[in-house]
Amino acid sequence: MPELRSVSGEEAIKALEHLGFRRVRQRGSHVILKKSTPTGDVGCVVPLHKQLKVGTLHGILKLAKVEVEDFQRNL
């Protein structure tokens, strides 16, 4: 598995939006994203931090059901 580099919350949101996610709402510094798939809706929460830790980013991608390679291609 390729290594993830840390990115900002805004960069992560832009990459996820390229993958078909849309902003549903925001509460404070957390943005909720959703995507409709044939198996149902998939959602994730992205904090708007200047730099996301790699572990946090892994958790976001796991919730979003996005492969690391796909995410990195859309950065």
C-alpha atoms as a PDB file:
ATOM      1  CA  MET A   1       0.000   0.000   0.000  1.00  0.00           C
ATOM      2  CA  PRO A   2       1.438   3.430  -0.904  1.00  0.00           C
ATOM      3  CA  GLU A   3       2.261   5.805   1.885  1.00  0.00           C
ATOM      4  CA  LEU A   4      -0.052   8.692   2.570  1.00  0.00           C
ATOM      5  CA  ARG A   5       1.360  12.134   3.071  1.00  0.00           C
ATOM      6  CA  SER A   6      -0.379  14.518   5.412  1.00  0.00           C
ATOM      7  CA  VAL A   7      -2.677  17.016   3.703  1.00  0.00           C
ATOM      8  CA  SER A   8      -4.919  19.819   4.891  1.00  0.00           C
ATOM      9  CA  GLY A   9      -8.618  19.311   5.495  1.00  0.00           C
ATOM     10  CA  GLU A  10      -9.481  21.441   2.458  1.00  0.00           C
ATOM     11  CA  GLU A  11      -7.182  19.376   0.203  1.00  0.00           C
ATOM     12  CA  ALA A  12      -8.808  16.174   1.467  1.00  0.00           C
ATOM     13  CA  ILE A  13     -12.289  17.570   0.820  1.00  0.00           C
ATOM     14  CA  LYS A  14     -11.374  18.620  -2.740  1.00  0.00           C
ATOM     15  CA  ALA A  15      -9.972  15.157  -3.495  1.00  0.00           C
ATOM     16  CA  LEU A  16     -13.094  13.476  -2.088  1.00  0.00           C
ATOM     17  CA  GLU A  17     -15.328  15.821  -4.102  1.00  0.00           C
ATOM     18  CA  HIS A  18     -13.471  14.713  -7.250  1.00  0.00           C
ATOM     19  CA  LEU A  19     -14.368  11.147  -6.245  1.00  0.00           C
ATOM     20  CA  GLY A  20     -18.084  11.985  -6.184  1.00  0.00           C
ATOM     21  CA  PHE A  21     -18.648  13.126  -2.592  1.00  0.00           C
ATOM     22  CA  ARG A  22     -20.650  16.262  -1.885  1.00  0.00           C
ATOM     23  CA  ARG A  23     -20.731  18.567   1.126  1.00  0.00           C
ATOM     24  CA  VAL A  24     -23.881  17.949   3.123  1.00  0.00           C
ATOM     25  CA  ARG A  25     -23.316  20.298   6.046  1.00  0.00           C
ATOM     26  CA  GLN A  26     -20.728  21.782   8.347  1.00  0.00           C
ATOM     27  CA  ARG A  27     -20.708  22.102  12.092  1.00  0.00           C
ATOM     28  CA  GLY A  28     -17.862  24.166  13.453  1.00  0.00           C
ATOM     29  CA  SER A  29     -14.639  22.945  11.903  1.00  0.00           C
ATOM     30  CA  HIS A  30     -16.015  19.596  10.696  1.00  0.00           C
ATOM     31  CA  VAL A  31     -17.441  19.065   7.206  1.00  0.00           C
ATOM     32  CA  ILE A  32     -19.774  16.125   6.557  1.00  0.00           C
ATOM     33  CA  LEU A  33     -19.513  14.589   3.078  1.00  0.00           C
ATOM     34  CA  LYS A  34     -21.794  11.996   1.460  1.00  0.00           C
ATOM     35  CA  LYS A  35     -21.863   9.938  -1.701  1.00  0.00           C
ATOM     36  CA  SER A  36     -24.687   7.802  -3.063  1.00  0.00           C
ATOM     37  CA  THR A  37     -23.629   4.348  -4.255  1.00  0.00           C
ATOM     38  CA  PRO A  38     -25.624   1.368  -5.544  1.00  0.00           C
ATOM     39  CA  THR A  39     -25.214  -0.281  -2.126  1.00  0.00           C
ATOM     40  CA  GLY A  40     -26.345   2.821  -0.204  1.00  0.00           C
ATOM     41  CA  ASP A  41     -25.039   6.139   1.041  1.00  0.00           C
ATOM     42  CA  VAL A  42     -21.445   6.470   2.226  1.00  0.00           C
ATOM     43  CA  GLY A  43     -20.430   9.331   4.480  1.00  0.00           C
ATOM     44  CA  CYS A  44     -17.418  10.716   6.280  1.00  0.00           C
ATOM     45  CA  VAL A  45     -16.422  13.657   8.435  1.00  0.00           C
ATOM     46  CA  VAL A  46     -13.377  15.772   7.587  1.00  0.00           C
ATOM     47  CA  PRO A  47     -11.961  18.271  10.100  1.00  0.00           C
ATOM     48  CA  LEU A  48     -10.788  21.555   8.603  1.00  0.00           C
ATOM     49  CA  HIS A  49      -7.324  21.407  10.121  1.00  0.00           C
ATOM     50  CA  LYS A  50      -4.239  22.892   8.485  1.00  0.00           C
ATOM     51  CA  GLN A  51      -2.644  19.455   8.532  1.00  0.00           C
ATOM     52  CA  LEU A  52      -4.410  16.108   9.023  1.00  0.00           C
ATOM     53  CA  LYS A  53      -2.404  13.383  10.697  1.00  0.00           C
ATOM     54  CA  VAL A  54      -1.863  10.294   8.579  1.00  0.00           C
ATOM     55  CA  GLY A  55      -3.864   8.123  10.995  1.00  0.00           C
ATOM     56  CA  THR A  56      -6.804  10.521  10.846  1.00  0.00           C
ATOM     57  CA  LEU A  57      -6.650  10.507   7.065  1.00  0.00           C
ATOM     58  CA  HIS A  58      -6.613   6.695   7.018  1.00  0.00           C
ATOM     59  CA  GLY A  59      -9.731   6.697   9.205  1.00  0.00           C
ATOM     60  CA  ILE A  60     -11.496   9.142   6.896  1.00  0.00           C
ATOM     61  CA  LEU A  61     -10.673   7.034   3.835  1.00  0.00           C
ATOM     62  CA  LYS A  62     -11.831   3.874   5.590  1.00  0.00           C
ATOM     63  CA  LEU A  63     -15.201   5.464   6.448  1.00  0.00           C
ATOM     64  CA  ALA A  64     -15.503   6.808   2.902  1.00  0.00           C
ATOM     65  CA  LYS A  65     -14.585   3.395   1.437  1.00  0.00           C
ATOM     66  CA  VAL A  66     -11.930   5.018  -0.757  1.00  0.00           C
ATOM     67  CA  GLU A  67      -8.666   3.333  -1.703  1.00  0.00           C
ATOM     68  CA  VAL A  68      -5.456   5.213  -0.938  1.00  0.00           C
ATOM     69  CA  GLU A  69      -4.392   5.045  -4.606  1.00  0.00           C
ATOM     70  CA  ASP A  70      -7.670   6.627  -5.771  1.00  0.00           C
ATOM     71  CA  PHE A  71      -7.383   9.372  -3.169  1.00  0.00           C
ATOM     72  CA  GLN A  72      -3.782  10.190  -4.090  1.00  0.00           C
ATOM     73  CA  ARG A  73      -4.632  10.361  -7.807  1.00  0.00           C
ATOM     74  CA  ASN A  74      -7.220  13.044  -7.044  1.00  0.00           C
ATOM     75  CA  LEU A  75      -5.038  15.269  -4.855  1.00  0.00           C
END
